[in-house]
Amino acid sequence: MNINESVIMAAAGTVSALFWLFLFIRGNGKYSEIIKTKAAKELQLHEIFFTGFELMKILKINVKSGKFTEKRKNISEIYGQRYAEFYTYLFTGAQISYAALLFPVSLLAGAAAGSLITALLGTAASVLMLFVLDAEVRKKTEEKHEEIMCELPDVIMRLTLLINAGMVLRDAWSMIAESSDTALGREMKQTGSDIRNGMPEIDAFNLFAERCRTKEIRKFAGSLVQNIKKGSAGLSESLQQLADEQWDEKKNYVRKKAASSEQKLLFPMLMIFVSIIMMIVVPVFTNML
């Protein structure tokens, strides 16, 4: 690495470090009501999040804008619609704080080590910091969707049995919801609460589908809404048909999951096989020599 590259990295690192120091001084003492929350304390380096919040303020980053719609929806699924805006703001500020700290450190480390690769890897890592919490939220959202999909056939079947036994939809729904503490059960409890508080059943079930955001739940809620509009005459038959469809989808999902797991295990098994072969072959060749 030539001297010019080291000088450039040192200069860029110094400028970015001074800018970070500016953010630190300007934001220090602010945003304490956010940084001291339990949610913030669960994240690493929450003490410096005010630097990210201050940079958001300077750049006029608004988490209420359309650019953050998908992020807010994902977060609302995990933390609830009520706290979606807060967590969107918190996670965005946290990610910017991580990136803003790592970027000058990477440049200065690369200059000190005389390594352009170190600086580039650090810079790439700082960019990734802007997405790390988003990826974690998406992972939790996908896990929730999988859990809901696997539980849904059983819930529909139980709902069908209770309705066939003469129970009205609202009471059957509440009974199932109160007996479950799963992701689907909690969403059903919220829907039951909405109905008890005066929300029309059709609106409550549509909102239920919006919160869960899976095609299976949308189909389930759509079937309920359609039958409510028709007078619930064929609700039990409709649910029975839907339950059969969901059981088939669950079976297909389990098969795909099993096939995916087998593929993931293939590489470790291959490595173990190669290691065993090497343990056998190498001593044989050594003795021959």
C-alpha atoms as a PDB file:
ATOM      1  CA  MET A   1       0.000   0.000   0.000  1.00  0.00           C
ATOM      2  CA  ASN A   2       1.413   3.407  -0.941  1.00  0.00           C
ATOM      3  CA  ILE A   3       1.653   6.435   1.321  1.00  0.00           C
ATOM      4  CA  ASN A   4      -0.995   8.406  -0.592  1.00  0.00           C
ATOM      5  CA  GLU A   5      -3.657   5.792   0.171  1.00  0.00           C
ATOM      6  CA  SER A   6      -2.735   5.845   3.866  1.00  0.00           C
ATOM      7  CA  VAL A   7      -2.906   9.638   3.923  1.00  0.00           C
ATOM      8  CA  ILE A   8      -6.293   9.646   2.202  1.00  0.00           C
ATOM      9  CA  MET A   9      -7.691   7.058   4.613  1.00  0.00           C
ATOM     10  CA  ALA A  10      -6.265   8.935   7.600  1.00  0.00           C
ATOM     11  CA  ALA A  11      -7.726  12.218   6.366  1.00  0.00           C
ATOM     12  CA  ALA A  12     -11.143  10.705   5.646  1.00  0.00           C
ATOM     13  CA  GLY A  13     -11.109   8.881   8.977  1.00  0.00           C
ATOM     14  CA  THR A  14     -10.200  12.057  10.830  1.00  0.00           C
ATOM     15  CA  VAL A  15     -12.946  14.085   9.147  1.00  0.00           C
ATOM     16  CA  SER A  16     -15.574  11.430   9.830  1.00  0.00           C
ATOM     17  CA  ALA A  17     -14.330  11.050  13.424  1.00  0.00           C
ATOM     18  CA  LEU A  18     -14.636  14.813  13.944  1.00  0.00           C
ATOM     19  CA  PHE A  19     -18.138  14.711  12.495  1.00  0.00           C
ATOM     20  CA  TRP A  20     -19.030  11.883  14.891  1.00  0.00           C
ATOM     21  CA  LEU A  21     -17.617  13.973  17.746  1.00  0.00           C
ATOM     22  CA  PHE A  22     -19.804  16.849  16.582  1.00  0.00           C
ATOM     23  CA  LEU A  23     -22.853  14.561  16.719  1.00  0.00           C
ATOM     24  CA  PHE A  24     -21.791  13.354  20.160  1.00  0.00           C
ATOM     25  CA  ILE A  25     -21.465  16.864  21.569  1.00  0.00           C
ATOM     26  CA  ARG A  26     -24.631  18.144  19.899  1.00  0.00           C
ATOM     27  CA  GLY A  27     -26.785  15.173  20.860  1.00  0.00           C
ATOM     28  CA  ASN A  28     -25.381  14.470  24.330  1.00  0.00           C
ATOM     29  CA  GLY A  29     -28.051  14.920  26.968  1.00  0.00           C
ATOM     30  CA  LYS A  30     -30.888  14.704  24.454  1.00  0.00           C
ATOM     31  CA  TYR A  31     -33.186  11.767  23.731  1.00  0.00           C
ATOM     32  CA  SER A  32     -32.732  10.377  27.267  1.00  0.00           C
ATOM     33  CA  GLU A  33     -36.424   9.436  27.406  1.00  0.00           C
ATOM     34  CA  ILE A  34     -35.778   7.014  24.517  1.00  0.00           C
ATOM     35  CA  ILE A  35     -32.313   5.771  25.476  1.00  0.00           C
ATOM     36  CA  LYS A  36     -33.426   4.907  29.015  1.00  0.00           C
ATOM     37  CA  THR A  37     -36.349   2.755  27.895  1.00  0.00           C
ATOM     38  CA  LYS A  38     -36.214  -0.993  28.423  1.00  0.00           C
ATOM     39  CA  ALA A  39     -36.353  -1.565  24.662  1.00  0.00           C
ATOM     40  CA  ALA A  40     -33.255   0.571  24.070  1.00  0.00           C
ATOM     41  CA  LYS A  41     -31.304  -1.032  26.914  1.00  0.00           C
ATOM     42  CA  GLU A  42     -31.761  -4.441  25.302  1.00  0.00           C
ATOM     43  CA  LEU A  43     -29.599  -3.249  22.381  1.00  0.00           C
ATOM     44  CA  GLN A  44     -25.823  -2.985  22.383  1.00  0.00           C
ATOM     45  CA  LEU A  45     -24.220   0.465  22.841  1.00  0.00           C
ATOM     46  CA  HIS A  46     -27.572   2.090  23.549  1.00  0.00           C
ATOM     47  CA  GLU A  47     -25.718   4.860  25.410  1.00  0.00           C
ATOM     48  CA  ILE A  48     -24.576   6.401  22.097  1.00  0.00           C
ATOM     49  CA  PHE A  49     -27.869   6.153  20.216  1.00  0.00           C
ATOM     50  CA  PHE A  50     -28.304   9.896  20.567  1.00  0.00           C
ATOM     51  CA  THR A  51     -25.672  10.312  17.836  1.00  0.00           C
ATOM     52  CA  GLY A  52     -27.890   8.425  15.416  1.00  0.00           C
ATOM     53  CA  PHE A  53     -30.994  10.320  16.471  1.00  0.00           C
ATOM     54  CA  GLU A  54     -29.152  13.608  16.007  1.00  0.00           C
ATOM     55  CA  LEU A  55     -27.996  12.606  12.525  1.00  0.00           C
ATOM     56  CA  MET A  56     -31.573  11.636  11.675  1.00  0.00           C
ATOM     57  CA  LYS A  57     -32.629  15.105  12.761  1.00  0.00           C
ATOM     58  CA  ILE A  58     -29.954  16.762  10.619  1.00  0.00           C
ATOM     59  CA  LEU A  59     -30.825  14.662   7.572  1.00  0.00           C
ATOM     60  CA  LYS A  60     -34.555  15.081   8.288  1.00  0.00           C
ATOM     61  CA  ILE A  61     -35.193  11.356   8.262  1.00  0.00           C
ATOM     62  CA  ASN A  62     -38.876  10.837   9.027  1.00  0.00           C
ATOM     63  CA  VAL A  63     -39.895   7.311  10.044  1.00  0.00           C
ATOM     64  CA  LYS A  64     -43.533   8.230   9.337  1.00  0.00           C
ATOM     65  CA  SER A  65     -42.781   8.597   5.629  1.00  0.00           C
ATOM     66  CA  GLY A  66     -43.649   6.074   2.958  1.00  0.00           C
ATOM     67  CA  LYS A  67     -40.049   4.871   2.773  1.00  0.00           C
ATOM     68  CA  PHE A  68     -40.480   3.206   6.155  1.00  0.00           C
ATOM     69  CA  THR A  69     -43.892   1.650   5.491  1.00  0.00           C
ATOM     70  CA  GLU A  70     -42.661  -1.925   5.133  1.00  0.00           C
ATOM     71  CA  LYS A  71     -40.357  -1.552   8.117  1.00  0.00           C
ATOM     72  CA  ARG A  72     -43.212  -0.242  10.271  1.00  0.00           C
ATOM     73  CA  LYS A  73     -45.448  -3.127   9.184  1.00  0.00           C
ATOM     74  CA  ASN A  74     -42.821  -5.721  10.075  1.00  0.00           C
ATOM     75  CA  ILE A  75     -42.182  -4.096  13.428  1.00  0.00           C
ATOM     76  CA  SER A  76     -45.902  -3.787  14.186  1.00  0.00           C
ATOM     77  CA  GLU A  77     -46.263  -7.548  13.759  1.00  0.00           C
ATOM     78  CA  ILE A  78     -43.649  -8.204  16.436  1.00  0.00           C
ATOM     79  CA  TYR A  79     -44.133  -5.313  18.843  1.00  0.00           C
ATOM     80  CA  GLY A  80     -47.714  -4.259  18.099  1.00  0.00           C
ATOM     81  CA  GLN A  81     -49.262  -1.482  16.056  1.00  0.00           C
ATOM     82  CA  ARG A  82     -49.301   0.819  19.070  1.00  0.00           C
ATOM     83  CA  TYR A  83     -45.499   0.793  19.386  1.00  0.00           C
ATOM     84  CA  ALA A  84     -44.590   0.449  15.696  1.00  0.00           C
ATOM     85  CA  GLU A  85     -43.555   4.069  15.233  1.00  0.00           C
ATOM     86  CA  PHE A  86     -41.446   4.086  18.417  1.00  0.00           C
ATOM     87  CA  TYR A  87     -39.545   0.917  17.527  1.00  0.00           C
ATOM     88  CA  THR A  88     -39.060   2.095  13.942  1.00  0.00           C
ATOM     89  CA  TYR A  89     -37.483   5.303  15.243  1.00  0.00           C
ATOM     90  CA  LEU A  90     -35.410   3.429  17.845  1.00  0.00           C
ATOM     91  CA  PHE A  91     -34.065   0.797  15.450  1.00  0.00           C
ATOM     92  CA  THR A  92     -33.316   3.330  12.716  1.00  0.00           C
ATOM     93  CA  GLY A  93     -31.397   5.527  15.162  1.00  0.00           C
ATOM     94  CA  ALA A  94     -29.543   2.512  16.543  1.00  0.00           C
ATOM     95  CA  GLN A  95     -28.464   1.351  13.087  1.00  0.00           C
ATOM     96  CA  ILE A  96     -27.264   4.806  12.104  1.00  0.00           C
ATOM     97  CA  SER A  97     -25.366   5.071  15.399  1.00  0.00           C
ATOM     98  CA  TYR A  98     -23.579   1.772  14.751  1.00  0.00           C
ATOM     99  CA  ALA A  99     -22.662   2.791  11.185  1.00  0.00           C
ATOM    100  CA  ALA A 100     -21.550   6.292  12.174  1.00  0.00           C
ATOM    101  CA  LEU A 101     -19.212   4.883  14.829  1.00  0.00           C
ATOM    102  CA  LEU A 102     -17.772   2.021  12.803  1.00  0.00           C
ATOM    103  CA  PHE A 103     -17.042   4.042   9.660  1.00  0.00           C
ATOM    104  CA  PRO A 104     -14.318   6.385  11.075  1.00  0.00           C
ATOM    105  CA  VAL A 105     -12.873   3.586  13.197  1.00  0.00           C
ATOM    106  CA  SER A 106     -12.474   1.429  10.073  1.00  0.00           C
ATOM    107  CA  LEU A 107     -10.735   4.167   8.098  1.00  0.00           C
ATOM    108  CA  LEU A 108      -8.368   5.065  10.925  1.00  0.00           C
ATOM    109  CA  ALA A 109      -7.612   1.393  11.604  1.00  0.00           C
ATOM    110  CA  GLY A 110      -6.877   0.831   7.919  1.00  0.00           C
ATOM    111  CA  ALA A 111      -4.576   3.871   7.835  1.00  0.00           C
ATOM    112  CA  ALA A 112      -2.751   2.787  10.995  1.00  0.00           C
ATOM    113  CA  ALA A 113      -2.296  -0.760   9.681  1.00  0.00           C
ATOM    114  CA  GLY A 114      -1.454   0.423   6.183  1.00  0.00           C
ATOM    115  CA  SER A 115      -4.145  -1.895   4.855  1.00  0.00           C
ATOM    116  CA  LEU A 116      -6.715  -0.805   2.305  1.00  0.00           C
ATOM    117  CA  ILE A 117      -8.519  -4.130   2.733  1.00  0.00           C
ATOM    118  CA  THR A 118      -9.055  -3.446   6.435  1.00  0.00           C
ATOM    119  CA  ALA A 119     -10.591  -0.074   5.634  1.00  0.00           C
ATOM    120  CA  LEU A 120     -12.804  -1.498   2.883  1.00  0.00           C
ATOM    121  CA  LEU A 121     -14.022  -4.400   5.021  1.00  0.00           C
ATOM    122  CA  GLY A 122     -14.758  -2.050   7.890  1.00  0.00           C
ATOM    123  CA  THR A 123     -16.600   0.331   5.592  1.00  0.00           C
ATOM    124  CA  ALA A 124     -18.664  -2.552   4.203  1.00  0.00           C
ATOM    125  CA  ALA A 125     -19.439  -3.637   7.772  1.00  0.00           C
ATOM    126  CA  SER A 126     -20.568  -0.108   8.657  1.00  0.00           C
ATOM    127  CA  VAL A 127     -22.969  -0.162   5.696  1.00  0.00           C
ATOM    128  CA  LEU A 128     -24.320  -3.532   6.847  1.00  0.00           C
ATOM    129  CA  MET A 129     -24.975  -2.014  10.255  1.00  0.00           C
ATOM    130  CA  LEU A 130     -27.701   0.048   8.595  1.00  0.00           C
ATOM    131  CA  PHE A 131     -29.669  -3.150   7.981  1.00  0.00           C
ATOM    132  CA  VAL A 132     -28.748  -5.471  10.838  1.00  0.00           C
ATOM    133  CA  LEU A 133     -31.815  -4.829  13.022  1.00  0.00           C
ATOM    134  CA  ASP A 134     -34.111  -4.844   9.981  1.00  0.00           C
ATOM    135  CA  ALA A 135     -32.886  -8.348   9.172  1.00  0.00           C
ATOM    136  CA  GLU A 136     -33.543  -9.459  12.741  1.00  0.00           C
ATOM    137  CA  VAL A 137     -37.098  -8.094  12.639  1.00  0.00           C
ATOM    138  CA  ARG A 138     -37.727  -9.793   9.283  1.00  0.00           C
ATOM    139  CA  LYS A 139     -36.471 -13.071  10.721  1.00  0.00           C
ATOM    140  CA  LYS A 140     -38.841 -12.778  13.685  1.00  0.00           C
ATOM    141  CA  THR A 141     -41.678 -11.903  11.315  1.00  0.00           C
ATOM    142  CA  GLU A 142     -40.998 -14.964   9.155  1.00  0.00           C
ATOM    143  CA  GLU A 143     -40.872 -17.166  12.252  1.00  0.00           C
ATOM    144  CA  LYS A 144     -44.220 -15.750  13.370  1.00  0.00           C
ATOM    145  CA  HIS A 145     -45.728 -16.422   9.930  1.00  0.00           C
ATOM    146  CA  GLU A 146     -44.478 -20.007  10.027  1.00  0.00           C
ATOM    147  CA  GLU A 147     -45.900 -20.512  13.510  1.00  0.00           C
ATOM    148  CA  ILE A 148     -49.266 -19.108  12.448  1.00  0.00           C
ATOM    149  CA  MET A 149     -49.389 -21.243   9.312  1.00  0.00           C
ATOM    150  CA  CYS A 150     -48.639 -24.414  11.273  1.00  0.00           C
ATOM    151  CA  GLU A 151     -51.280 -23.675  13.934  1.00  0.00           C
ATOM    152  CA  LEU A 152     -54.027 -22.373  11.660  1.00  0.00           C
ATOM    153  CA  PRO A 153     -55.440 -25.735  10.421  1.00  0.00           C
ATOM    154  CA  ASP A 154     -56.028 -26.902  13.990  1.00  0.00           C
ATOM    155  CA  VAL A 155     -57.658 -23.583  14.944  1.00  0.00           C
ATOM    156  CA  ILE A 156     -60.025 -23.720  11.955  1.00  0.00           C
ATOM    157  CA  MET A 157     -60.942 -27.305  12.783  1.00  0.00           C
ATOM    158  CA  ARG A 158     -61.692 -26.446  16.414  1.00  0.00           C
ATOM    159  CA  LEU A 159     -63.715 -23.438  15.318  1.00  0.00           C
ATOM    160  CA  THR A 160     -65.719 -25.669  12.959  1.00  0.00           C
ATOM    161  CA  LEU A 161     -66.449 -28.213  15.701  1.00  0.00           C
ATOM    162  CA  LEU A 162     -67.632 -25.532  18.140  1.00  0.00           C
ATOM    163  CA  ILE A 163     -69.907 -23.923  15.539  1.00  0.00           C
ATOM    164  CA  ASN A 164     -71.331 -27.336  14.619  1.00  0.00           C
ATOM    165  CA  ALA A 165     -72.013 -27.859  18.327  1.00  0.00           C
ATOM    166  CA  GLY A 166     -74.272 -24.794  18.268  1.00  0.00           C
ATOM    167  CA  MET A 167     -71.911 -22.074  19.494  1.00  0.00           C
ATOM    168  CA  VAL A 168     -72.003 -18.689  17.764  1.00  0.00           C
ATOM    169  CA  LEU A 169     -68.870 -17.502  15.969  1.00  0.00           C
ATOM    170  CA  ARG A 170     -68.020 -14.773  18.490  1.00  0.00           C
ATOM    171  CA  ASP A 171     -68.131 -17.145  21.493  1.00  0.00           C
ATOM    172  CA  ALA A 172     -66.273 -19.936  19.674  1.00  0.00           C
ATOM    173  CA  TRP A 173     -63.595 -17.469  18.615  1.00  0.00           C
ATOM    174  CA  SER A 174     -63.121 -16.180  22.172  1.00  0.00           C
ATOM    175  CA  MET A 175     -62.962 -19.710  23.639  1.00  0.00           C
ATOM    176  CA  ILE A 176     -60.183 -20.738  21.255  1.00  0.00           C
ATOM    177  CA  ALA A 177     -58.296 -17.458  21.708  1.00  0.00           C
ATOM    178  CA  GLU A 178     -58.348 -17.624  25.507  1.00  0.00           C
ATOM    179  CA  SER A 179     -57.026 -21.200  25.500  1.00  0.00           C
ATOM    180  CA  SER A 180     -53.918 -20.342  23.461  1.00  0.00           C
ATOM    181  CA  ASP A 181     -50.843 -18.221  24.160  1.00  0.00           C
ATOM    182  CA  THR A 182     -49.265 -18.635  20.731  1.00  0.00           C
ATOM    183  CA  ALA A 183     -48.747 -15.891  18.145  1.00  0.00           C
ATOM    184  CA  LEU A 184     -52.054 -16.760  16.479  1.00  0.00           C
ATOM    185  CA  GLY A 185     -53.816 -17.010  19.832  1.00  0.00           C
ATOM    186  CA  ARG A 186     -52.648 -13.537  20.840  1.00  0.00           C
ATOM    187  CA  GLU A 187     -53.860 -12.051  17.569  1.00  0.00           C
ATOM    188  CA  MET A 188     -57.208 -13.788  18.044  1.00  0.00           C
ATOM    189  CA  LYS A 189     -57.443 -12.351  21.570  1.00  0.00           C
ATOM    190  CA  GLN A 190     -56.893  -8.877  20.175  1.00  0.00           C
ATOM    191  CA  THR A 191     -59.639  -9.453  17.618  1.00  0.00           C
ATOM    192  CA  GLY A 192     -61.990 -10.722  20.334  1.00  0.00           C
ATOM    193  CA  SER A 193     -61.199  -7.640  22.401  1.00  0.00           C
ATOM    194  CA  ASP A 194     -61.924  -5.387  19.416  1.00  0.00           C
ATOM    195  CA  ILE A 195     -65.331  -7.020  18.934  1.00  0.00           C
ATOM    196  CA  ARG A 196     -66.217  -6.754  22.631  1.00  0.00           C
ATOM    197  CA  ASN A 197     -65.279  -3.067  22.542  1.00  0.00           C
ATOM    198  CA  GLY A 198     -67.850  -2.406  19.856  1.00  0.00           C
ATOM    199  CA  MET A 199     -65.960  -2.895  16.594  1.00  0.00           C
ATOM    200  CA  PRO A 200     -68.081  -4.596  13.903  1.00  0.00           C
ATOM    201  CA  GLU A 201     -67.058  -8.222  13.352  1.00  0.00           C
ATOM    202  CA  ILE A 202     -66.265  -7.613   9.684  1.00  0.00           C
ATOM    203  CA  ASP A 203     -63.886  -4.750  10.528  1.00  0.00           C
ATOM    204  CA  ALA A 204     -62.297  -6.762  13.358  1.00  0.00           C
ATOM    205  CA  PHE A 205     -61.591  -9.750  11.107  1.00  0.00           C
ATOM    206  CA  ASN A 206     -60.209  -7.521   8.353  1.00  0.00           C
ATOM    207  CA  LEU A 207     -57.918  -5.868  10.897  1.00  0.00           C
ATOM    208  CA  PHE A 208     -56.917  -9.336  12.119  1.00  0.00           C
ATOM    209  CA  ALA A 209     -55.789 -10.200   8.584  1.00  0.00           C
ATOM    210  CA  GLU A 210     -53.851  -6.932   8.295  1.00  0.00           C
ATOM    211  CA  ARG A 211     -51.949  -7.619  11.522  1.00  0.00           C
ATOM    212  CA  CYS A 212     -50.975 -11.172  10.596  1.00  0.00           C
ATOM    213  CA  ARG A 213     -50.119 -10.399   6.948  1.00  0.00           C
ATOM    214  CA  THR A 214     -50.097 -13.989   5.659  1.00  0.00           C
ATOM    215  CA  LYS A 215     -52.057 -15.289   2.695  1.00  0.00           C
ATOM    216  CA  GLU A 216     -53.468 -18.104   4.842  1.00  0.00           C
ATOM    217  CA  ILE A 217     -54.905 -15.686   7.393  1.00  0.00           C
ATOM    218  CA  ARG A 218     -56.209 -13.376   4.676  1.00  0.00           C
ATOM    219  CA  LYS A 219     -58.056 -16.320   3.150  1.00  0.00           C
ATOM    220  CA  PHE A 220     -59.364 -17.382   6.569  1.00  0.00           C
ATOM    221  CA  ALA A 221     -60.544 -13.880   7.490  1.00  0.00           C
ATOM    222  CA  GLY A 222     -62.011 -13.383   4.015  1.00  0.00           C
ATOM    223  CA  SER A 223     -64.053 -16.557   4.407  1.00  0.00           C
ATOM    224  CA  LEU A 224     -65.380 -15.369   7.770  1.00  0.00           C
ATOM    225  CA  VAL A 225     -66.273 -11.928   6.406  1.00  0.00           C
ATOM    226  CA  GLN A 226     -67.974 -13.399   3.348  1.00  0.00           C
ATOM    227  CA  ASN A 227     -70.112 -15.741   5.429  1.00  0.00           C
ATOM    228  CA  ILE A 228     -71.018 -13.011   7.925  1.00  0.00           C
ATOM    229  CA  LYS A 229     -72.290 -10.896   5.029  1.00  0.00           C
ATOM    230  CA  LYS A 230     -74.352 -13.860   3.781  1.00  0.00           C
ATOM    231  CA  GLY A 231     -75.784 -14.510   7.243  1.00  0.00           C
ATOM    232  CA  SER A 232     -73.429 -17.305   8.405  1.00  0.00           C
ATOM    233  CA  ALA A 233     -75.660 -19.947   6.814  1.00  0.00           C
ATOM    234  CA  GLY A 234     -72.829 -21.962   5.252  1.00  0.00           C
ATOM    235  CA  LEU A 235     -70.050 -20.983   7.671  1.00  0.00           C
ATOM    236  CA  SER A 236     -69.404 -24.474   9.018  1.00  0.00           C
ATOM    237  CA  GLU A 237     -69.106 -26.040   5.524  1.00  0.00           C
ATOM    238  CA  SER A 238     -66.863 -23.204   4.372  1.00  0.00           C
ATOM    239  CA  LEU A 239     -64.586 -23.598   7.385  1.00  0.00           C
ATOM    240  CA  GLN A 240     -64.404 -27.364   6.935  1.00  0.00           C
ATOM    241  CA  GLN A 241     -63.286 -26.933   3.335  1.00  0.00           C
ATOM    242  CA  LEU A 242     -60.764 -24.287   4.373  1.00  0.00           C
ATOM    243  CA  ALA A 243     -59.433 -26.546   7.145  1.00  0.00           C
ATOM    244  CA  ASP A 244     -58.803 -29.350   4.636  1.00  0.00           C
ATOM    245  CA  GLU A 245     -56.960 -26.935   2.341  1.00  0.00           C
ATOM    246  CA  GLN A 246     -54.816 -25.626   5.197  1.00  0.00           C
ATOM    247  CA  TRP A 247     -53.918 -29.144   6.339  1.00  0.00           C
ATOM    248  CA  ASP A 248     -52.688 -29.884   2.803  1.00  0.00           C
ATOM    249  CA  GLU A 249     -50.665 -26.651   2.759  1.00  0.00           C
ATOM    250  CA  LYS A 250     -49.165 -27.493   6.139  1.00  0.00           C
ATOM    251  CA  LYS A 251     -48.142 -30.954   4.904  1.00  0.00           C
ATOM    252  CA  ASN A 252     -46.493 -29.414   1.827  1.00  0.00           C
ATOM    253  CA  TYR A 253     -44.707 -26.881   4.010  1.00  0.00           C
ATOM    254  CA  VAL A 254     -43.394 -29.600   6.349  1.00  0.00           C
ATOM    255  CA  ARG A 255     -42.126 -31.596   3.359  1.00  0.00           C
ATOM    256  CA  LYS A 256     -40.320 -28.535   1.955  1.00  0.00           C
ATOM    257  CA  LYS A 257     -38.886 -27.758   5.382  1.00  0.00           C
ATOM    258  CA  ALA A 258     -37.613 -31.303   5.744  1.00  0.00           C
ATOM    259  CA  ALA A 259     -36.037 -31.218   2.268  1.00  0.00           C
ATOM    260  CA  SER A 260     -34.382 -27.883   3.081  1.00  0.00           C
ATOM    261  CA  SER A 261     -33.007 -29.279   6.338  1.00  0.00           C
ATOM    262  CA  GLU A 262     -31.567 -32.268   4.500  1.00  0.00           C
ATOM    263  CA  GLN A 263     -29.790 -29.978   2.051  1.00  0.00           C
ATOM    264  CA  LYS A 264     -28.336 -27.936   4.912  1.00  0.00           C
ATOM    265  CA  LEU A 265     -27.014 -31.130   6.507  1.00  0.00           C
ATOM    266  CA  LEU A 266     -25.461 -32.337   3.258  1.00  0.00           C
ATOM    267  CA  PHE A 267     -22.350 -30.131   3.447  1.00  0.00           C
ATOM    268  CA  PRO A 268     -21.436 -30.998   7.088  1.00  0.00           C
ATOM    269  CA  MET A 269     -21.960 -34.693   6.318  1.00  0.00           C
ATOM    270  CA  LEU A 270     -19.713 -34.376   3.258  1.00  0.00           C
ATOM    271  CA  MET A 271     -17.006 -32.704   5.344  1.00  0.00           C
ATOM    272  CA  ILE A 272     -17.215 -35.447   7.953  1.00  0.00           C
ATOM    273  CA  PHE A 273     -16.992 -38.084   5.219  1.00  0.00           C
ATOM    274  CA  VAL A 274     -13.917 -36.418   3.677  1.00  0.00           C
ATOM    275  CA  SER A 275     -12.306 -36.147   7.130  1.00  0.00           C
ATOM    276  CA  ILE A 276     -12.857 -39.852   7.797  1.00  0.00           C
ATOM    277  CA  ILE A 277     -11.395 -40.768   4.404  1.00  0.00           C
ATOM    278  CA  MET A 278      -8.359 -38.586   5.105  1.00  0.00           C
ATOM    279  CA  MET A 279      -7.884 -40.214   8.516  1.00  0.00           C
ATOM    280  CA  ILE A 280      -7.826 -43.606   6.829  1.00  0.00           C
ATOM    281  CA  VAL A 281      -5.895 -42.817   3.648  1.00  0.00           C
ATOM    282  CA  VAL A 282      -3.144 -40.557   5.055  1.00  0.00           C
ATOM    283  CA  PRO A 283      -1.747 -43.153   7.537  1.00  0.00           C
ATOM    284  CA  VAL A 284      -1.778 -45.807   4.789  1.00  0.00           C
ATOM    285  CA  PHE A 285       0.257 -43.643   2.408  1.00  0.00           C
ATOM    286  CA  THR A 286       2.578 -42.604   5.218  1.00  0.00           C
ATOM    287  CA  ASN A 287       3.360 -46.264   6.045  1.00  0.00           C
ATOM    288  CA  MET A 288       3.911 -47.042   2.374  1.00  0.00           C
ATOM    289  CA  LEU A 289       6.510 -44.297   2.186  1.00  0.00           C
END
